[in-house]
């Protein structure tokens, strides 16, 4: 058999991976224990998404295993062994703010959980392609020391800087900077994944995501800002902007486009490579610009408040440079722009809210 194993399978990237790979593999195994609900409460509950996968894909098999526990992972790897051809490791604790509340939990999920997955792969499925969903937060707040210019609705990098044309590349330093506890745990996992690729020669690829988004995101206040922002626009719940005058810029990539990057890597893996993965110059916005988009699509004004206190380790301006990935995989390109993605997010949230009434 050809099997794909996806951790965090009921989350945004995990569920997109299940849907993408279901017709390309004989069996897709999902590993997800809905820890997101523990992190973020009912807003983060992914049970609806797990049910959607189980009902929609006959070759999907779900395990509620905890990646922090080898004793829960090893039976799965022993059962399927070398039939596992692809691993998409998307399970994570994804929030700056939450990580500081429980550093042991954050590090356990992000760093120890990733090491457990790598070692289980090495021992039981050594030829499998291993995809790690990393984050641009591995660069810490180094991007905040770039020469930034304040414009009417956004911060922007100076036009004479090398990053202006395409964004921040993979040579940007990870060192000598504040990351947040979350960023530090993801650095540990990111470097360990590269090491397993380079030291053991495993087919490991690291993808440092910008803002990952899409219609199946269980957005919460502390994570998934576009999905949560749209949810607030639809429901009328107030939203809080944290610092930087609401002009902080993020690039946003649709979950399908990111998983399509995984597919291209799977077909021609380059062990130990790390790639920036975001919307780049193709799809980015400031917080104020995102609010305007959401109001236009939802057809109503958003209620929001402003706090002068920015989140620790947050980026003022971040746009991913995908030149390296596109040079390695020239057949890949974005399928969705920002407005198309936001319309899908709106329609997905509206449909789920209607079902919950």
C-alpha atoms as a PDB file:
ATOM      1  CA  UNK A   1       0.000   0.000   0.000  1.00  0.00           C
ATOM      2  CA  UNK A   2       0.927   3.647  -0.406  1.00  0.00           C
ATOM      3  CA  UNK A   3       0.004   5.503   2.767  1.00  0.00           C
ATOM      4  CA  UNK A   4       0.109   9.195   3.740  1.00  0.00           C
ATOM      5  CA  UNK A   5       0.185  10.039   7.452  1.00  0.00           C
ATOM      6  CA  UNK A   6      -0.956  13.504   8.548  1.00  0.00           C
ATOM      7  CA  UNK A   7      -0.602  14.927  12.065  1.00  0.00           C
ATOM      8  CA  UNK A   8      -2.918  17.715  13.115  1.00  0.00           C
ATOM      9  CA  UNK A   9      -5.269  16.214  10.551  1.00  0.00           C
ATOM     10  CA  UNK A  10      -8.365  18.060  11.791  1.00  0.00           C
ATOM     11  CA  UNK A  11      -6.612  21.432  11.680  1.00  0.00           C
ATOM     12  CA  UNK A  12      -6.342  23.780   8.735  1.00  0.00           C
ATOM     13  CA  UNK A  13      -3.257  22.394   6.979  1.00  0.00           C
ATOM     14  CA  UNK A  14      -3.819  18.834   8.147  1.00  0.00           C
ATOM     15  CA  UNK A  15      -7.374  18.665   6.800  1.00  0.00           C
ATOM     16  CA  UNK A  16      -6.336  20.298   3.534  1.00  0.00           C
ATOM     17  CA  UNK A  17      -3.604  17.654   3.259  1.00  0.00           C
ATOM     18  CA  UNK A  18      -6.090  14.827   3.849  1.00  0.00           C
ATOM     19  CA  UNK A  19      -8.371  16.165   1.115  1.00  0.00           C
ATOM     20  CA  UNK A  20      -5.481  16.767  -1.287  1.00  0.00           C
ATOM     21  CA  UNK A  21      -3.850  13.356  -0.851  1.00  0.00           C
ATOM     22  CA  UNK A  22      -6.964  11.177  -0.492  1.00  0.00           C
ATOM     23  CA  UNK A  23      -7.076  10.365  -4.217  1.00  0.00           C
ATOM     24  CA  UNK A  24      -3.297  10.010  -4.493  1.00  0.00           C
ATOM     25  CA  UNK A  25      -2.749   7.374  -1.772  1.00  0.00           C
ATOM     26  CA  UNK A  26      -4.479   4.120  -0.886  1.00  0.00           C
ATOM     27  CA  UNK A  27      -4.930   5.199   2.718  1.00  0.00           C
ATOM     28  CA  UNK A  28      -4.607   8.505   4.590  1.00  0.00           C
ATOM     29  CA  UNK A  29      -3.977   8.186   8.318  1.00  0.00           C
ATOM     30  CA  UNK A  30      -4.867  11.153  10.499  1.00  0.00           C
ATOM     31  CA  UNK A  31      -3.384  11.805  13.944  1.00  0.00           C
ATOM     32  CA  UNK A  32      -5.189  14.502  15.942  1.00  0.00           C
ATOM     33  CA  UNK A  33      -6.407  14.599  19.550  1.00  0.00           C
ATOM     34  CA  UNK A  34      -8.163  17.998  19.279  1.00  0.00           C
ATOM     35  CA  UNK A  35      -5.641  19.688  21.566  1.00  0.00           C
ATOM     36  CA  UNK A  36      -6.532  22.900  19.748  1.00  0.00           C
ATOM     37  CA  UNK A  37      -9.728  23.025  21.810  1.00  0.00           C
ATOM     38  CA  UNK A  38      -7.614  22.897  24.971  1.00  0.00           C
ATOM     39  CA  UNK A  39      -5.522  25.789  23.631  1.00  0.00           C
ATOM     40  CA  UNK A  40      -8.321  28.052  22.406  1.00  0.00           C
ATOM     41  CA  UNK A  41     -11.639  26.849  23.830  1.00  0.00           C
ATOM     42  CA  UNK A  42     -14.717  26.224  21.721  1.00  0.00           C
ATOM     43  CA  UNK A  43     -13.492  28.524  18.919  1.00  0.00           C
ATOM     44  CA  UNK A  44     -10.578  26.135  18.433  1.00  0.00           C
ATOM     45  CA  UNK A  45     -12.614  22.924  18.519  1.00  0.00           C
ATOM     46  CA  UNK A  46     -11.781  20.857  15.411  1.00  0.00           C
ATOM     47  CA  UNK A  47     -14.272  18.033  15.960  1.00  0.00           C
ATOM     48  CA  UNK A  48     -16.467  19.332  13.118  1.00  0.00           C
ATOM     49  CA  UNK A  49     -13.525  19.068  10.735  1.00  0.00           C
ATOM     50  CA  UNK A  50     -12.597  15.551  11.817  1.00  0.00           C
ATOM     51  CA  UNK A  51     -16.224  14.482  11.253  1.00  0.00           C
ATOM     52  CA  UNK A  52     -16.161  16.116   7.818  1.00  0.00           C
ATOM     53  CA  UNK A  53     -13.075  14.115   6.847  1.00  0.00           C
ATOM     54  CA  UNK A  54     -14.423  10.827   8.160  1.00  0.00           C
ATOM     55  CA  UNK A  55     -17.695  11.321   6.284  1.00  0.00           C
ATOM     56  CA  UNK A  56     -16.116  12.618   3.088  1.00  0.00           C
ATOM     57  CA  UNK A  57     -13.170  10.273   2.508  1.00  0.00           C
ATOM     58  CA  UNK A  58     -13.683   6.511   2.711  1.00  0.00           C
ATOM     59  CA  UNK A  59      -9.923   5.863   2.808  1.00  0.00           C
ATOM     60  CA  UNK A  60      -9.323   8.154   5.794  1.00  0.00           C
ATOM     61  CA  UNK A  61      -8.519   6.533   9.149  1.00  0.00           C
ATOM     62  CA  UNK A  62      -8.326   8.656  12.293  1.00  0.00           C
ATOM     63  CA  UNK A  63      -6.223   8.133  15.427  1.00  0.00           C
ATOM     64  CA  UNK A  64      -6.663  10.368  18.504  1.00  0.00           C
ATOM     65  CA  UNK A  65      -3.020   9.987  19.473  1.00  0.00           C
ATOM     66  CA  UNK A  66      -0.839  12.520  21.308  1.00  0.00           C
ATOM     67  CA  UNK A  67       2.399  13.239  19.438  1.00  0.00           C
ATOM     68  CA  UNK A  68       4.145  13.957  22.750  1.00  0.00           C
ATOM     69  CA  UNK A  69       3.858  10.267  23.648  1.00  0.00           C
ATOM     70  CA  UNK A  70       6.020   7.776  21.727  1.00  0.00           C
ATOM     71  CA  UNK A  71       3.925   5.023  23.297  1.00  0.00           C
ATOM     72  CA  UNK A  72       0.934   6.334  21.321  1.00  0.00           C
ATOM     73  CA  UNK A  73       2.797   6.888  18.049  1.00  0.00           C
ATOM     74  CA  UNK A  74       4.886   3.724  17.849  1.00  0.00           C
ATOM     75  CA  UNK A  75       1.976   1.271  17.412  1.00  0.00           C
ATOM     76  CA  UNK A  76       0.808   3.267  14.375  1.00  0.00           C
ATOM     77  CA  UNK A  77       4.255   3.284  12.791  1.00  0.00           C
ATOM     78  CA  UNK A  78       4.811  -0.394  13.575  1.00  0.00           C
ATOM     79  CA  UNK A  79       1.494  -1.340  11.986  1.00  0.00           C
ATOM     80  CA  UNK A  80       2.064   0.481   8.694  1.00  0.00           C
ATOM     81  CA  UNK A  81       5.878   0.654   8.534  1.00  0.00           C
ATOM     82  CA  UNK A  82       7.372   1.124   5.090  1.00  0.00           C
ATOM     83  CA  UNK A  83       3.936   1.410   3.493  1.00  0.00           C
ATOM     84  CA  UNK A  84       4.009   4.982   4.816  1.00  0.00           C
ATOM     85  CA  UNK A  85       5.378   6.980   1.892  1.00  0.00           C
ATOM     86  CA  UNK A  86       4.520  10.527   3.012  1.00  0.00           C
ATOM     87  CA  UNK A  87       4.286  12.229   6.395  1.00  0.00           C
ATOM     88  CA  UNK A  88       2.831  15.715   6.732  1.00  0.00           C
ATOM     89  CA  UNK A  89       3.585  16.929  10.243  1.00  0.00           C
ATOM     90  CA  UNK A  90       1.180  19.812  10.793  1.00  0.00           C
ATOM     91  CA  UNK A  91       0.318  19.312  14.479  1.00  0.00           C
ATOM     92  CA  UNK A  92       1.439  22.243  16.639  1.00  0.00           C
ATOM     93  CA  UNK A  93       0.733  24.691  19.416  1.00  0.00           C
ATOM     94  CA  UNK A  94       0.555  27.764  17.148  1.00  0.00           C
ATOM     95  CA  UNK A  95       0.136  30.847  19.370  1.00  0.00           C
ATOM     96  CA  UNK A  96       2.692  33.364  20.712  1.00  0.00           C
ATOM     97  CA  UNK A  97       0.505  34.366  23.623  1.00  0.00           C
ATOM     98  CA  UNK A  98      -0.620  30.893  24.652  1.00  0.00           C
ATOM     99  CA  UNK A  99       2.920  29.505  24.671  1.00  0.00           C
ATOM    100  CA  UNK A 100       3.942  31.845  27.487  1.00  0.00           C
ATOM    101  CA  UNK A 101       1.148  30.441  29.666  1.00  0.00           C
ATOM    102  CA  UNK A 102       2.414  26.858  29.477  1.00  0.00           C
ATOM    103  CA  UNK A 103       5.968  26.652  28.123  1.00  0.00           C
ATOM    104  CA  UNK A 104       6.232  22.930  28.951  1.00  0.00           C
ATOM    105  CA  UNK A 105       3.133  22.147  26.905  1.00  0.00           C
ATOM    106  CA  UNK A 106       4.240  24.375  24.028  1.00  0.00           C
ATOM    107  CA  UNK A 107       7.717  22.834  23.859  1.00  0.00           C
ATOM    108  CA  UNK A 108       6.330  19.361  24.360  1.00  0.00           C
ATOM    109  CA  UNK A 109       4.003  19.649  21.378  1.00  0.00           C
ATOM    110  CA  UNK A 110       6.196  21.676  19.027  1.00  0.00           C
ATOM    111  CA  UNK A 111       9.708  20.411  19.748  1.00  0.00           C
ATOM    112  CA  UNK A 112       9.416  17.043  21.503  1.00  0.00           C
ATOM    113  CA  UNK A 113       6.443  16.020  19.374  1.00  0.00           C
ATOM    114  CA  UNK A 114       8.400  16.789  16.213  1.00  0.00           C
ATOM    115  CA  UNK A 115      11.428  14.819  17.449  1.00  0.00           C
ATOM    116  CA  UNK A 116       9.128  11.887  18.227  1.00  0.00           C
ATOM    117  CA  UNK A 117       7.698  11.993  14.702  1.00  0.00           C
ATOM    118  CA  UNK A 118      11.152  12.207  13.112  1.00  0.00           C
ATOM    119  CA  UNK A 119      12.520   9.301  15.142  1.00  0.00           C
ATOM    120  CA  UNK A 120       9.476   7.096  14.512  1.00  0.00           C
ATOM    121  CA  UNK A 121       9.897   7.825  10.805  1.00  0.00           C
ATOM    122  CA  UNK A 122      13.620   7.016  10.905  1.00  0.00           C
ATOM    123  CA  UNK A 123      13.037   3.731  12.712  1.00  0.00           C
ATOM    124  CA  UNK A 124       9.951   2.473  10.885  1.00  0.00           C
ATOM    125  CA  UNK A 125       9.469   4.405   7.613  1.00  0.00           C
ATOM    126  CA  UNK A 126      12.955   5.685   6.693  1.00  0.00           C
ATOM    127  CA  UNK A 127      12.214   6.184   2.975  1.00  0.00           C
ATOM    128  CA  UNK A 128       9.119   8.289   3.587  1.00  0.00           C
ATOM    129  CA  UNK A 129       9.090  11.954   2.608  1.00  0.00           C
ATOM    130  CA  UNK A 130       8.671  14.022   5.780  1.00  0.00           C
ATOM    131  CA  UNK A 131       7.082  17.480   5.498  1.00  0.00           C
ATOM    132  CA  UNK A 132       7.349  19.836   8.473  1.00  0.00           C
ATOM    133  CA  UNK A 133       5.056  22.841   8.781  1.00  0.00           C
ATOM    134  CA  UNK A 134       7.347  25.429  10.348  1.00  0.00           C
ATOM    135  CA  UNK A 135       6.714  29.166  10.686  1.00  0.00           C
ATOM    136  CA  UNK A 136       8.181  32.544   9.807  1.00  0.00           C
ATOM    137  CA  UNK A 137       8.397  33.125  13.572  1.00  0.00           C
ATOM    138  CA  UNK A 138      11.686  31.184  13.513  1.00  0.00           C
ATOM    139  CA  UNK A 139      13.213  34.497  12.388  1.00  0.00           C
ATOM    140  CA  UNK A 140      12.127  36.051  15.674  1.00  0.00           C
ATOM    141  CA  UNK A 141      11.683  39.804  15.586  1.00  0.00           C
ATOM    142  CA  UNK A 142      14.713  40.334  13.304  1.00  0.00           C
ATOM    143  CA  UNK A 143      12.340  41.490  10.516  1.00  0.00           C
ATOM    144  CA  UNK A 144      11.328  44.413  12.763  1.00  0.00           C
ATOM    145  CA  UNK A 145      14.832  45.896  12.417  1.00  0.00           C
ATOM    146  CA  UNK A 146      14.602  46.168   8.652  1.00  0.00           C
ATOM    147  CA  UNK A 147      14.248  49.738   7.276  1.00  0.00           C
ATOM    148  CA  UNK A 148      10.465  50.125   7.458  1.00  0.00           C
ATOM    149  CA  UNK A 149       8.384  53.035   6.197  1.00  0.00           C
ATOM    150  CA  UNK A 150       4.958  53.987   7.566  1.00  0.00           C
ATOM    151  CA  UNK A 151       2.304  54.482   4.867  1.00  0.00           C
ATOM    152  CA  UNK A 152      -1.378  55.401   5.191  1.00  0.00           C
ATOM    153  CA  UNK A 153      -2.712  51.877   5.771  1.00  0.00           C
ATOM    154  CA  UNK A 154       0.427  49.754   6.239  1.00  0.00           C
ATOM    155  CA  UNK A 155       4.056  49.481   7.101  1.00  0.00           C
ATOM    156  CA  UNK A 156       6.280  48.751   4.110  1.00  0.00           C
ATOM    157  CA  UNK A 157       9.958  48.054   3.603  1.00  0.00           C
ATOM    158  CA  UNK A 158      12.111  50.745   2.022  1.00  0.00           C
ATOM    159  CA  UNK A 159      12.069  50.505  -1.778  1.00  0.00           C
ATOM    160  CA  UNK A 160      15.879  50.488  -1.947  1.00  0.00           C
ATOM    161  CA  UNK A 161      16.166  47.348   0.221  1.00  0.00           C
ATOM    162  CA  UNK A 162      16.958  43.958  -1.340  1.00  0.00           C
ATOM    163  CA  UNK A 163      13.802  42.487   0.247  1.00  0.00           C
ATOM    164  CA  UNK A 164      11.472  45.041  -1.352  1.00  0.00           C
ATOM    165  CA  UNK A 165      10.880  43.195  -4.638  1.00  0.00           C
ATOM    166  CA  UNK A 166      10.101  39.689  -3.367  1.00  0.00           C
ATOM    167  CA  UNK A 167      10.153  39.737   0.440  1.00  0.00           C
ATOM    168  CA  UNK A 168      12.262  38.034   3.128  1.00  0.00           C
ATOM    169  CA  UNK A 169      14.363  35.058   2.030  1.00  0.00           C
ATOM    170  CA  UNK A 170      15.704  32.004   3.865  1.00  0.00           C
ATOM    171  CA  UNK A 171      19.072  33.633   4.613  1.00  0.00           C
ATOM    172  CA  UNK A 172      17.470  36.038   7.090  1.00  0.00           C
ATOM    173  CA  UNK A 173      19.035  35.350  10.501  1.00  0.00           C
ATOM    174  CA  UNK A 174      17.302  33.136  13.064  1.00  0.00           C
ATOM    175  CA  UNK A 175      19.793  34.206  15.720  1.00  0.00           C
ATOM    176  CA  UNK A 176      20.328  37.066  18.225  1.00  0.00           C
ATOM    177  CA  UNK A 177      16.654  37.980  18.439  1.00  0.00           C
ATOM    178  CA  UNK A 178      13.509  37.593  20.528  1.00  0.00           C
ATOM    179  CA  UNK A 179      11.258  34.835  19.201  1.00  0.00           C
ATOM    180  CA  UNK A 180       8.499  34.385  21.804  1.00  0.00           C
ATOM    181  CA  UNK A 181       8.336  31.014  23.552  1.00  0.00           C
ATOM    182  CA  UNK A 182       6.353  29.655  20.607  1.00  0.00           C
ATOM    183  CA  UNK A 183       8.935  30.890  18.108  1.00  0.00           C
ATOM    184  CA  UNK A 184      11.753  29.278  20.086  1.00  0.00           C
ATOM    185  CA  UNK A 185      10.021  25.880  20.244  1.00  0.00           C
ATOM    186  CA  UNK A 186       9.440  26.028  16.488  1.00  0.00           C
ATOM    187  CA  UNK A 187      13.111  26.930  15.901  1.00  0.00           C
ATOM    188  CA  UNK A 188      14.089  23.790  17.821  1.00  0.00           C
ATOM    189  CA  UNK A 189      11.774  21.676  15.669  1.00  0.00           C
ATOM    190  CA  UNK A 190      12.802  23.425  12.430  1.00  0.00           C
ATOM    191  CA  UNK A 191      16.521  22.825  13.034  1.00  0.00           C
ATOM    192  CA  UNK A 192      15.944  19.229  14.161  1.00  0.00           C
ATOM    193  CA  UNK A 193      14.039  18.519  10.942  1.00  0.00           C
ATOM    194  CA  UNK A 194      16.868  19.959   8.860  1.00  0.00           C
ATOM    195  CA  UNK A 195      19.332  17.870  10.861  1.00  0.00           C
ATOM    196  CA  UNK A 196      17.463  14.620  10.265  1.00  0.00           C
ATOM    197  CA  UNK A 197      17.551  15.464   6.573  1.00  0.00           C
ATOM    198  CA  UNK A 198      21.241  16.329   6.486  1.00  0.00           C
ATOM    199  CA  UNK A 199      22.639  13.970   9.142  1.00  0.00           C
ATOM    200  CA  UNK A 200      20.540  10.874   8.440  1.00  0.00           C
ATOM    201  CA  UNK A 201      19.890  11.620   4.766  1.00  0.00           C
ATOM    202  CA  UNK A 202      16.125  11.488   5.268  1.00  0.00           C
ATOM    203  CA  UNK A 203      13.755  13.142   2.784  1.00  0.00           C
ATOM    204  CA  UNK A 204      12.789  15.990   5.091  1.00  0.00           C
ATOM    205  CA  UNK A 205      11.448  19.339   3.876  1.00  0.00           C
ATOM    206  CA  UNK A 206      10.807  22.371   6.101  1.00  0.00           C
ATOM    207  CA  UNK A 207       8.182  24.956   5.125  1.00  0.00           C
ATOM    208  CA  UNK A 208       8.278  28.253   7.027  1.00  0.00           C
ATOM    209  CA  UNK A 209       4.736  29.499   6.660  1.00  0.00           C
ATOM    210  CA  UNK A 210       3.562  33.074   6.693  1.00  0.00           C
ATOM    211  CA  UNK A 211      -0.096  33.361   7.663  1.00  0.00           C
ATOM    212  CA  UNK A 212      -1.691  30.067   6.663  1.00  0.00           C
ATOM    213  CA  UNK A 213      -5.393  30.425   6.023  1.00  0.00           C
ATOM    214  CA  UNK A 214      -8.425  29.000   4.287  1.00  0.00           C
ATOM    215  CA  UNK A 215     -12.080  28.055   4.690  1.00  0.00           C
ATOM    216  CA  UNK A 216     -11.463  25.166   7.111  1.00  0.00           C
ATOM    217  CA  UNK A 217      -9.613  27.211   9.725  1.00  0.00           C
ATOM    218  CA  UNK A 218     -10.969  27.093  13.288  1.00  0.00           C
ATOM    219  CA  UNK A 219      -9.836  30.662  13.910  1.00  0.00           C
ATOM    220  CA  UNK A 220      -9.524  31.931  17.478  1.00  0.00           C
ATOM    221  CA  UNK A 221      -8.480  35.244  19.008  1.00  0.00           C
ATOM    222  CA  UNK A 222      -4.947  34.025  19.674  1.00  0.00           C
ATOM    223  CA  UNK A 223      -4.409  32.282  16.346  1.00  0.00           C
ATOM    224  CA  UNK A 224      -5.737  32.342  12.788  1.00  0.00           C
ATOM    225  CA  UNK A 225      -6.279  36.061  12.436  1.00  0.00           C
ATOM    226  CA  UNK A 226      -8.011  36.181   9.031  1.00  0.00           C
ATOM    227  CA  UNK A 227     -10.509  33.441   9.915  1.00  0.00           C
ATOM    228  CA  UNK A 228     -11.190  34.945  13.338  1.00  0.00           C
ATOM    229  CA  UNK A 229     -11.433  38.452  11.883  1.00  0.00           C
ATOM    230  CA  UNK A 230     -14.002  37.278   9.335  1.00  0.00           C
ATOM    231  CA  UNK A 231     -15.921  35.438  12.038  1.00  0.00           C
ATOM    232  CA  UNK A 232     -16.116  38.674  14.029  1.00  0.00           C
ATOM    233  CA  UNK A 233     -17.288  40.546  10.930  1.00  0.00           C
ATOM    234  CA  UNK A 234     -20.087  38.014  10.432  1.00  0.00           C
ATOM    235  CA  UNK A 235     -21.185  37.674  14.068  1.00  0.00           C
ATOM    236  CA  UNK A 236     -20.654  41.254  15.236  1.00  0.00           C
ATOM    237  CA  UNK A 237     -18.268  40.160  17.989  1.00  0.00           C
ATOM    238  CA  UNK A 238     -15.604  42.791  18.778  1.00  0.00           C
ATOM    239  CA  UNK A 239     -12.046  42.335  17.522  1.00  0.00           C
ATOM    240  CA  UNK A 240      -8.897  43.691  19.188  1.00  0.00           C
ATOM    241  CA  UNK A 241      -5.915  45.030  17.228  1.00  0.00           C
ATOM    242  CA  UNK A 242      -2.665  44.720  19.166  1.00  0.00           C
ATOM    243  CA  UNK A 243      -0.197  47.541  18.483  1.00  0.00           C
ATOM    244  CA  UNK A 244       1.610  49.010  15.464  1.00  0.00           C
ATOM    245  CA  UNK A 245      -1.456  51.188  14.624  1.00  0.00           C
ATOM    246  CA  UNK A 246      -3.074  48.210  12.912  1.00  0.00           C
ATOM    247  CA  UNK A 247      -0.649  48.681  10.025  1.00  0.00           C
ATOM    248  CA  UNK A 248       1.339  45.470  10.616  1.00  0.00           C
ATOM    249  CA  UNK A 249       1.620  43.480   7.379  1.00  0.00           C
ATOM    250  CA  UNK A 250       1.289  39.719   6.857  1.00  0.00           C
ATOM    251  CA  UNK A 251       1.425  37.647   3.721  1.00  0.00           C
ATOM    252  CA  UNK A 252      -1.324  35.047   3.502  1.00  0.00           C
ATOM    253  CA  UNK A 253      -1.284  31.715   1.696  1.00  0.00           C
ATOM    254  CA  UNK A 254      -4.338  29.556   1.054  1.00  0.00           C
ATOM    255  CA  UNK A 255      -4.033  26.126   2.641  1.00  0.00           C
ATOM    256  CA  UNK A 256      -4.470  24.467  -0.777  1.00  0.00           C
ATOM    257  CA  UNK A 257      -1.491  26.355  -2.205  1.00  0.00           C
ATOM    258  CA  UNK A 258       0.711  25.338   0.726  1.00  0.00           C
ATOM    259  CA  UNK A 259      -0.257  21.664   0.458  1.00  0.00           C
ATOM    260  CA  UNK A 260       0.383  21.851  -3.278  1.00  0.00           C
ATOM    261  CA  UNK A 261       3.920  22.940  -2.354  1.00  0.00           C
ATOM    262  CA  UNK A 262       4.159  19.794  -0.235  1.00  0.00           C
ATOM    263  CA  UNK A 263       3.072  17.697  -3.236  1.00  0.00           C
ATOM    264  CA  UNK A 264       5.740  19.175  -5.490  1.00  0.00           C
ATOM    265  CA  UNK A 265       8.364  18.471  -2.822  1.00  0.00           C
ATOM    266  CA  UNK A 266       7.096  14.906  -2.411  1.00  0.00           C
ATOM    267  CA  UNK A 267       7.507  14.209  -6.123  1.00  0.00           C
ATOM    268  CA  UNK A 268      11.127  15.402  -6.069  1.00  0.00           C
ATOM    269  CA  UNK A 269      12.389  15.661  -2.462  1.00  0.00           C
ATOM    270  CA  UNK A 270      15.523  17.605  -1.553  1.00  0.00           C
ATOM    271  CA  UNK A 271      16.639  16.353   1.903  1.00  0.00           C
ATOM    272  CA  UNK A 272      17.100  18.979   4.602  1.00  0.00           C
ATOM    273  CA  UNK A 273      15.884  21.968   2.590  1.00  0.00           C
ATOM    274  CA  UNK A 274      14.016  24.828   4.263  1.00  0.00           C
ATOM    275  CA  UNK A 275      11.649  27.051   2.290  1.00  0.00           C
ATOM    276  CA  UNK A 276       9.747  30.223   3.064  1.00  0.00           C
ATOM    277  CA  UNK A 277       6.094  29.598   2.236  1.00  0.00           C
ATOM    278  CA  UNK A 278       3.542  32.395   2.164  1.00  0.00           C
ATOM    279  CA  UNK A 279       1.525  34.689  -0.036  1.00  0.00           C
ATOM    280  CA  UNK A 280       4.568  36.781  -0.886  1.00  0.00           C
ATOM    281  CA  UNK A 281       3.964  39.872  -2.965  1.00  0.00           C
ATOM    282  CA  UNK A 282       1.049  37.969  -4.523  1.00  0.00           C
ATOM    283  CA  UNK A 283      -1.152  38.063  -1.404  1.00  0.00           C
ATOM    284  CA  UNK A 284      -0.454  40.245   1.635  1.00  0.00           C
ATOM    285  CA  UNK A 285      -2.277  42.857   3.674  1.00  0.00           C
ATOM    286  CA  UNK A 286      -2.093  44.961   6.803  1.00  0.00           C
ATOM    287  CA  UNK A 287      -4.559  44.548   9.644  1.00  0.00           C
ATOM    288  CA  UNK A 288      -6.426  47.689   8.552  1.00  0.00           C
ATOM    289  CA  UNK A 289      -6.532  46.437   4.967  1.00  0.00           C
ATOM    290  CA  UNK A 290      -7.799  43.030   6.134  1.00  0.00           C
ATOM    291  CA  UNK A 291     -10.597  44.722   8.100  1.00  0.00           C
ATOM    292  CA  UNK A 292     -11.653  46.624   4.973  1.00  0.00           C
ATOM    293  CA  UNK A 293     -11.697  43.384   2.963  1.00  0.00           C
ATOM    294  CA  UNK A 294     -13.774  41.577   5.603  1.00  0.00           C
ATOM    295  CA  UNK A 295     -16.274  44.437   5.881  1.00  0.00           C
ATOM    296  CA  UNK A 296     -16.705  44.492   2.103  1.00  0.00           C
ATOM    297  CA  UNK A 297     -17.227  40.728   1.828  1.00  0.00           C
ATOM    298  CA  UNK A 298     -19.447  40.404   4.928  1.00  0.00           C
ATOM    299  CA  UNK A 299     -21.417  43.506   3.980  1.00  0.00           C
ATOM    300  CA  UNK A 300     -21.270  45.020   7.465  1.00  0.00           C
ATOM    301  CA  UNK A 301     -19.003  47.105   9.667  1.00  0.00           C
ATOM    302  CA  UNK A 302     -16.614  45.375  12.056  1.00  0.00           C
ATOM    303  CA  UNK A 303     -16.505  46.419  15.692  1.00  0.00           C
ATOM    304  CA  UNK A 304     -12.892  46.609  16.787  1.00  0.00           C
ATOM    305  CA  UNK A 305     -10.784  48.018  19.587  1.00  0.00           C
ATOM    306  CA  UNK A 306      -7.160  49.072  19.575  1.00  0.00           C
ATOM    307  CA  UNK A 307      -4.555  48.160  22.193  1.00  0.00           C
ATOM    308  CA  UNK A 308      -1.213  49.967  22.175  1.00  0.00           C
ATOM    309  CA  UNK A 309       0.485  46.820  23.464  1.00  0.00           C
ATOM    310  CA  UNK A 310       1.810  44.710  20.616  1.00  0.00           C
ATOM    311  CA  UNK A 311       2.266  40.964  20.978  1.00  0.00           C
ATOM    312  CA  UNK A 312       5.766  39.914  22.051  1.00  0.00           C
ATOM    313  CA  UNK A 313       7.821  38.745  19.087  1.00  0.00           C
ATOM    314  CA  UNK A 314       5.201  39.944  16.605  1.00  0.00           C
ATOM    315  CA  UNK A 315       6.259  41.132  13.163  1.00  0.00           C
ATOM    316  CA  UNK A 316       5.629  44.691  11.964  1.00  0.00           C
ATOM    317  CA  UNK A 317       6.153  43.736   8.316  1.00  0.00           C
ATOM    318  CA  UNK A 318       6.591  40.242   6.947  1.00  0.00           C
ATOM    319  CA  UNK A 319       6.334  39.156   3.310  1.00  0.00           C
ATOM    320  CA  UNK A 320       7.786  35.768   2.278  1.00  0.00           C
ATOM    321  CA  UNK A 321      10.170  35.442  -0.643  1.00  0.00           C
ATOM    322  CA  UNK A 322       9.320  32.192  -2.465  1.00  0.00           C
ATOM    323  CA  UNK A 323      12.055  32.548  -5.092  1.00  0.00           C
ATOM    324  CA  UNK A 324      14.006  29.569  -3.757  1.00  0.00           C
ATOM    325  CA  UNK A 325      11.046  27.190  -3.814  1.00  0.00           C
ATOM    326  CA  UNK A 326       9.871  28.376  -7.233  1.00  0.00           C
ATOM    327  CA  UNK A 327      13.381  27.905  -8.638  1.00  0.00           C
ATOM    328  CA  UNK A 328      13.471  24.327  -7.308  1.00  0.00           C
ATOM    329  CA  UNK A 329       9.869  23.589  -8.358  1.00  0.00           C
ATOM    330  CA  UNK A 330       9.001  25.828 -11.326  1.00  0.00           C
ATOM    331  CA  UNK A 331       5.712  23.988 -11.937  1.00  0.00           C
ATOM    332  CA  UNK A 332       4.201  25.426  -8.749  1.00  0.00           C
ATOM    333  CA  UNK A 333       2.341  28.735  -8.472  1.00  0.00           C
ATOM    334  CA  UNK A 334      -0.384  30.285  -6.323  1.00  0.00           C
ATOM    335  CA  UNK A 335      -3.969  29.372  -7.183  1.00  0.00           C
ATOM    336  CA  UNK A 336      -5.723  31.882  -4.881  1.00  0.00           C
ATOM    337  CA  UNK A 337      -5.327  35.589  -4.311  1.00  0.00           C
ATOM    338  CA  UNK A 338      -6.254  37.290  -1.041  1.00  0.00           C
ATOM    339  CA  UNK A 339      -9.825  38.257  -1.944  1.00  0.00           C
ATOM    340  CA  UNK A 340     -10.657  34.797  -3.304  1.00  0.00           C
ATOM    341  CA  UNK A 341      -9.345  33.267  -0.080  1.00  0.00           C
ATOM    342  CA  UNK A 342     -11.367  35.641   2.095  1.00  0.00           C
ATOM    343  CA  UNK A 343     -14.572  34.938   0.168  1.00  0.00           C
ATOM    344  CA  UNK A 344     -14.031  31.211   0.777  1.00  0.00           C
ATOM    345  CA  UNK A 345     -13.374  31.859   4.474  1.00  0.00           C
ATOM    346  CA  UNK A 346     -16.569  33.931   4.725  1.00  0.00           C
ATOM    347  CA  UNK A 347     -18.704  31.299   3.026  1.00  0.00           C
ATOM    348  CA  UNK A 348     -17.227  28.463   5.107  1.00  0.00           C
ATOM    349  CA  UNK A 349     -17.753  30.242   8.434  1.00  0.00           C
ATOM    350  CA  UNK A 350     -21.269  31.382   7.484  1.00  0.00           C
ATOM    351  CA  UNK A 351     -22.248  27.817   6.561  1.00  0.00           C
ATOM    352  CA  UNK A 352     -20.881  26.382   9.843  1.00  0.00           C
ATOM    353  CA  UNK A 353     -22.593  29.074  11.918  1.00  0.00           C
ATOM    354  CA  UNK A 354     -25.889  28.339  10.163  1.00  0.00           C
ATOM    355  CA  UNK A 355     -25.557  24.634  11.003  1.00  0.00           C
ATOM    356  CA  UNK A 356     -24.831  25.401  14.676  1.00  0.00           C
ATOM    357  CA  UNK A 357     -27.976  27.503  15.190  1.00  0.00           C
END
